[in-house]
């Protein structure tokens, strides 16, 4: 399940990279330290997952067990972090993988 969630979030990250040409004009992007501080202070979110995307970008999932909020970000090689998606009702799952057939 975690691998499938990772693959789905990577797809979202790739969509953000497609809009890379207008990244400087996107209001949902800021320097990484500013984004991390806001996620921690405002929502109590900590990093729960990480993966590499195209062209050296890094996709991360942040979430809070207390507030139930979650955020997916993509950090570009220039240090700019963009919000890709956010929501509520985050849960950590520990499901067994289906057997290989």
N, C-alpha and C. Protein backbone atom coordinates (compact mmCIF):
# COMPACT_ATOMS: atom_id res chain seq x y z
N UNK A 1 0.82 -1.19 0.00
CA UNK A 1 0.00 0.00 0.00
C UNK A 1 0.87 1.26 0.00
N UNK A 2 1.95 1.21 0.82
CA UNK A 2 2.83 2.38 0.86
C UNK A 2 3.47 2.64 -0.48
N UNK A 3 3.84 1.57 -1.21
CA UNK A 3 4.45 1.76 -2.52
C UNK A 3 3.43 2.33 -3.50
N UNK A 4 2.19 1.88 -3.43
CA UNK A 4 1.17 2.41 -4.32
C UNK A 4 0.91 3.88 -4.00
N UNK A 5 0.85 4.25 -2.70
CA UNK A 5 0.68 5.65 -2.32
C UNK A 5 1.86 6.47 -2.83
N UNK A 6 3.05 5.92 -2.71
CA UNK A 6 4.24 6.60 -3.19
C UNK A 6 4.15 6.85 -4.69
N UNK A 7 3.73 5.83 -5.45
CA UNK A 7 3.62 5.98 -6.90
C UNK A 7 2.59 7.03 -7.27
N UNK A 8 1.48 7.07 -6.55
CA UNK A 8 0.44 8.06 -6.84
C UNK A 8 0.94 9.47 -6.55
N UNK A 9 1.66 9.63 -5.43
CA UNK A 9 2.15 10.95 -5.10
C UNK A 9 3.26 11.38 -6.05
N UNK A 10 4.04 10.42 -6.54
CA UNK A 10 5.06 10.76 -7.53
C UNK A 10 4.41 11.31 -8.79
N UNK A 11 3.27 10.75 -9.17
CA UNK A 11 2.55 11.26 -10.33
C UNK A 11 2.14 12.71 -10.13
N UNK A 12 1.69 13.03 -8.92
CA UNK A 12 1.34 14.42 -8.63
C UNK A 12 2.58 15.31 -8.71
N UNK A 13 3.69 14.80 -8.21
CA UNK A 13 4.93 15.58 -8.26
C UNK A 13 5.36 15.86 -9.68
N UNK A 14 5.19 14.90 -10.55
CA UNK A 14 5.56 15.08 -11.94
C UNK A 14 4.68 16.16 -12.59
N UNK A 15 3.42 16.21 -12.20
CA UNK A 15 2.54 17.26 -12.73
C UNK A 15 3.05 18.63 -12.33
N UNK A 16 3.56 18.75 -11.12
CA UNK A 16 4.11 20.04 -10.69
C UNK A 16 5.31 20.40 -11.53
N UNK A 17 6.13 19.42 -11.83
CA UNK A 17 7.32 19.69 -12.63
C UNK A 17 6.96 20.15 -14.04
N UNK A 18 5.82 19.71 -14.53
CA UNK A 18 5.39 20.15 -15.85
C UNK A 18 5.14 21.65 -15.87
N UNK A 19 4.79 22.18 -14.72
CA UNK A 19 4.53 23.62 -14.62
C UNK A 19 5.77 24.38 -14.15
N UNK A 20 6.92 23.77 -14.26
CA UNK A 20 8.16 24.34 -13.75
C UNK A 20 8.49 25.69 -14.39
N UNK A 21 8.07 25.91 -15.60
CA UNK A 21 8.38 27.16 -16.29
C UNK A 21 7.81 28.38 -15.58
N UNK A 22 6.71 28.20 -14.85
CA UNK A 22 6.08 29.33 -14.19
C UNK A 22 6.27 29.27 -12.68
N UNK A 23 7.23 28.49 -12.23
CA UNK A 23 7.41 28.28 -10.80
C UNK A 23 7.65 29.57 -10.03
N UNK A 24 8.38 30.50 -10.58
CA UNK A 24 8.68 31.73 -9.86
C UNK A 24 7.44 32.59 -9.67
N UNK A 25 6.45 32.40 -10.51
CA UNK A 25 5.23 33.19 -10.42
C UNK A 25 4.14 32.47 -9.64
N UNK A 26 4.39 31.26 -9.18
CA UNK A 26 3.38 30.47 -8.49
C UNK A 26 3.32 30.88 -7.02
N UNK A 27 2.15 31.31 -6.55
CA UNK A 27 2.04 31.74 -5.15
C UNK A 27 2.12 30.58 -4.16
N UNK A 28 2.03 29.33 -4.62
CA UNK A 28 2.10 28.18 -3.72
C UNK A 28 3.53 27.68 -3.54
N UNK A 29 4.52 28.49 -3.91
CA UNK A 29 5.92 28.11 -3.76
C UNK A 29 6.63 29.13 -2.88
N UNK A 30 7.60 28.63 -2.11
CA UNK A 30 8.40 29.50 -1.24
C UNK A 30 9.70 28.77 -0.93
N UNK A 31 10.67 29.47 -0.34
CA UNK A 31 11.90 28.78 0.07
C UNK A 31 11.56 27.63 1.04
N UNK A 32 12.27 26.51 0.91
CA UNK A 32 11.97 25.31 1.68
C UNK A 32 11.90 25.56 3.19
N UNK A 33 12.85 26.28 3.79
CA UNK A 33 12.77 26.50 5.25
C UNK A 33 11.48 27.19 5.68
N UNK A 34 10.99 28.12 4.86
CA UNK A 34 9.75 28.82 5.18
C UNK A 34 8.55 27.88 5.14
N UNK A 35 8.52 27.01 4.13
CA UNK A 35 7.41 26.06 3.99
C UNK A 35 7.41 25.08 5.16
N UNK A 36 8.59 24.52 5.49
CA UNK A 36 8.67 23.56 6.59
C UNK A 36 8.27 24.18 7.92
N UNK A 37 8.69 25.41 8.15
CA UNK A 37 8.33 26.10 9.39
C UNK A 37 6.82 26.30 9.49
N UNK A 38 6.21 26.70 8.39
CA UNK A 38 4.76 26.92 8.41
C UNK A 38 3.99 25.61 8.62
N UNK A 39 4.42 24.54 7.94
CA UNK A 39 3.75 23.25 8.12
C UNK A 39 3.86 22.77 9.57
N UNK A 40 5.02 22.97 10.18
CA UNK A 40 5.22 22.54 11.56
C UNK A 40 4.46 23.41 12.56
N UNK A 41 4.58 24.71 12.41
CA UNK A 41 3.97 25.62 13.39
C UNK A 41 2.46 25.74 13.26
N UNK A 42 1.97 25.77 12.04
CA UNK A 42 0.54 25.98 11.82
C UNK A 42 -0.26 24.69 11.92
N UNK A 43 0.30 23.59 11.39
CA UNK A 43 -0.46 22.35 11.32
C UNK A 43 0.14 21.20 12.13
N UNK A 44 1.32 21.38 12.69
CA UNK A 44 1.97 20.32 13.45
C UNK A 44 2.42 19.16 12.58
N UNK A 45 2.66 19.42 11.30
CA UNK A 45 3.02 18.35 10.37
C UNK A 45 4.52 18.07 10.37
N UNK A 46 4.85 16.79 10.28
CA UNK A 46 6.23 16.35 10.15
C UNK A 46 6.34 15.47 8.91
N UNK A 47 7.55 15.30 8.42
CA UNK A 47 7.76 14.52 7.20
C UNK A 47 7.49 13.05 7.45
N UNK A 48 6.69 12.44 6.55
CA UNK A 48 6.33 11.03 6.67
C UNK A 48 6.85 10.19 5.52
N UNK A 49 7.21 10.83 4.41
CA UNK A 49 7.71 10.09 3.25
C UNK A 49 8.47 11.01 2.34
N UNK A 50 9.33 10.42 1.51
CA UNK A 50 10.17 11.20 0.61
C UNK A 50 10.47 10.36 -0.63
N UNK A 51 10.64 11.02 -1.76
CA UNK A 51 10.99 10.32 -2.99
C UNK A 51 11.59 11.29 -4.00
N UNK A 52 12.34 10.73 -4.93
CA UNK A 52 12.95 11.54 -5.98
C UNK A 52 12.02 11.61 -7.18
N UNK A 53 11.90 12.79 -7.74
CA UNK A 53 11.11 13.00 -8.95
C UNK A 53 12.07 13.35 -10.08
N UNK A 54 11.53 13.71 -11.21
CA UNK A 54 12.36 14.05 -12.38
C UNK A 54 13.16 15.31 -12.14
N UNK A 55 14.25 15.41 -12.87
CA UNK A 55 15.10 16.59 -12.93
C UNK A 55 15.60 17.03 -11.55
N UNK A 56 15.83 16.08 -10.66
CA UNK A 56 16.41 16.38 -9.36
C UNK A 56 15.45 16.94 -8.33
N UNK A 57 14.16 16.91 -8.59
CA UNK A 57 13.19 17.39 -7.62
C UNK A 57 12.94 16.33 -6.55
N UNK A 58 12.55 16.79 -5.36
CA UNK A 58 12.28 15.89 -4.24
C UNK A 58 10.82 16.07 -3.82
N UNK A 59 10.07 14.95 -3.78
CA UNK A 59 8.69 14.94 -3.34
C UNK A 59 8.67 14.50 -1.88
N UNK A 60 7.88 15.20 -1.06
CA UNK A 60 7.77 14.84 0.35
C UNK A 60 6.31 14.86 0.78
N UNK A 61 5.99 13.98 1.72
CA UNK A 61 4.66 13.94 2.33
C UNK A 61 4.83 14.34 3.79
N UNK A 62 4.05 15.33 4.23
CA UNK A 62 4.03 15.77 5.62
C UNK A 62 2.64 15.49 6.18
N UNK A 63 2.56 15.15 7.46
CA UNK A 63 1.26 14.89 8.07
C UNK A 63 1.36 15.08 9.57
N UNK A 64 0.18 15.21 10.20
CA UNK A 64 0.09 15.34 11.65
C UNK A 64 -0.91 14.35 12.19
N UNK A 65 -0.50 13.54 13.17
CA UNK A 65 -1.43 12.63 13.83
C UNK A 65 -2.43 13.40 14.69
N UNK A 66 -2.01 14.55 15.21
CA UNK A 66 -2.88 15.34 16.09
C UNK A 66 -3.99 16.06 15.33
N UNK A 67 -3.63 16.73 14.23
CA UNK A 67 -4.64 17.50 13.48
C UNK A 67 -5.26 16.70 12.35
N UNK A 68 -4.58 15.64 11.90
CA UNK A 68 -5.07 14.84 10.78
C UNK A 68 -4.82 15.47 9.42
N UNK A 69 -4.11 16.61 9.39
CA UNK A 69 -3.84 17.26 8.11
C UNK A 69 -2.64 16.61 7.44
N UNK A 70 -2.57 16.75 6.10
CA UNK A 70 -1.45 16.24 5.32
C UNK A 70 -1.17 17.20 4.18
N UNK A 71 0.09 17.20 3.74
CA UNK A 71 0.53 18.07 2.65
C UNK A 71 1.56 17.31 1.81
N UNK A 72 1.46 17.45 0.50
CA UNK A 72 2.46 16.91 -0.42
C UNK A 72 3.19 18.10 -1.04
N UNK A 73 4.51 18.07 -0.97
CA UNK A 73 5.33 19.14 -1.53
C UNK A 73 6.31 18.58 -2.55
N UNK A 74 6.79 19.46 -3.42
CA UNK A 74 7.88 19.14 -4.33
C UNK A 74 8.90 20.26 -4.20
N UNK A 75 10.14 19.89 -3.89
CA UNK A 75 11.22 20.87 -3.79
C UNK A 75 12.07 20.76 -5.04
N UNK A 76 12.23 21.87 -5.72
CA UNK A 76 12.99 21.94 -6.95
C UNK A 76 14.47 22.13 -6.64
N UNK A 77 15.35 21.83 -7.59
CA UNK A 77 16.79 21.96 -7.34
C UNK A 77 17.21 23.36 -6.90
N UNK A 78 16.46 24.37 -7.23
CA UNK A 78 16.81 25.74 -6.83
C UNK A 78 16.40 26.06 -5.40
N UNK A 79 15.83 25.08 -4.66
CA UNK A 79 15.46 25.29 -3.27
C UNK A 79 14.04 25.76 -3.05
N UNK A 80 13.32 26.00 -4.12
CA UNK A 80 11.94 26.43 -4.03
C UNK A 80 11.05 25.22 -3.77
N UNK A 81 10.20 25.29 -2.75
CA UNK A 81 9.29 24.21 -2.41
C UNK A 81 7.87 24.63 -2.77
N UNK A 82 7.18 23.76 -3.51
CA UNK A 82 5.82 24.05 -3.97
C UNK A 82 4.84 23.07 -3.33
N UNK A 83 3.69 23.60 -2.94
CA UNK A 83 2.62 22.76 -2.41
C UNK A 83 1.89 22.12 -3.58
N UNK A 84 1.75 20.80 -3.54
CA UNK A 84 1.10 20.06 -4.61
C UNK A 84 -0.33 19.73 -4.23
N UNK A 85 -0.53 19.28 -3.00
CA UNK A 85 -1.86 18.90 -2.52
C UNK A 85 -1.86 18.95 -1.01
N UNK A 86 -3.05 19.09 -0.44
CA UNK A 86 -3.21 19.10 1.02
C UNK A 86 -4.61 18.61 1.34
N UNK A 87 -4.78 18.11 2.56
CA UNK A 87 -6.09 17.62 2.95
C UNK A 87 -6.17 17.28 4.42
N UNK A 88 -7.19 16.52 4.77
CA UNK A 88 -7.46 16.16 6.15
C UNK A 88 -7.65 14.65 6.27
N UNK A 89 -7.81 14.20 7.50
CA UNK A 89 -8.11 12.80 7.83
C UNK A 89 -6.97 11.86 7.46
N UNK A 90 -5.73 12.29 7.69
CA UNK A 90 -4.56 11.45 7.41
C UNK A 90 -4.52 10.29 8.39
N UNK A 91 -4.21 9.10 7.88
CA UNK A 91 -4.03 7.92 8.71
C UNK A 91 -2.80 7.17 8.23
N UNK A 92 -2.05 6.63 9.18
CA UNK A 92 -0.91 5.78 8.85
C UNK A 92 -1.43 4.35 8.79
N UNK A 93 -1.18 3.68 7.69
CA UNK A 93 -1.63 2.30 7.51
C UNK A 93 -0.44 1.36 7.50
N UNK A 94 -0.65 0.19 8.04
CA UNK A 94 0.37 -0.85 8.00
C UNK A 94 -0.30 -2.10 7.43
N UNK A 95 -0.52 -2.08 6.12
CA UNK A 95 -1.19 -3.19 5.46
C UNK A 95 -0.17 -4.12 4.83
N UNK A 96 -0.51 -5.39 4.82
CA UNK A 96 0.35 -6.36 4.16
C UNK A 96 0.21 -6.22 2.65
N UNK A 97 1.31 -6.41 1.95
CA UNK A 97 1.27 -6.37 0.49
C UNK A 97 0.59 -7.62 -0.03
N UNK A 98 -0.11 -7.50 -1.15
CA UNK A 98 -0.74 -8.71 -1.73
C UNK A 98 0.33 -9.67 -2.24
N UNK A 99 0.05 -10.96 -2.23
CA UNK A 99 1.06 -11.92 -2.71
C UNK A 99 1.31 -11.73 -4.21
N UNK A 100 2.53 -12.00 -4.63
CA UNK A 100 2.88 -11.93 -6.06
C UNK A 100 2.21 -13.09 -6.79
N UNK A 101 1.62 -12.78 -7.91
CA UNK A 101 0.99 -13.84 -8.70
C UNK A 101 1.63 -13.96 -10.04
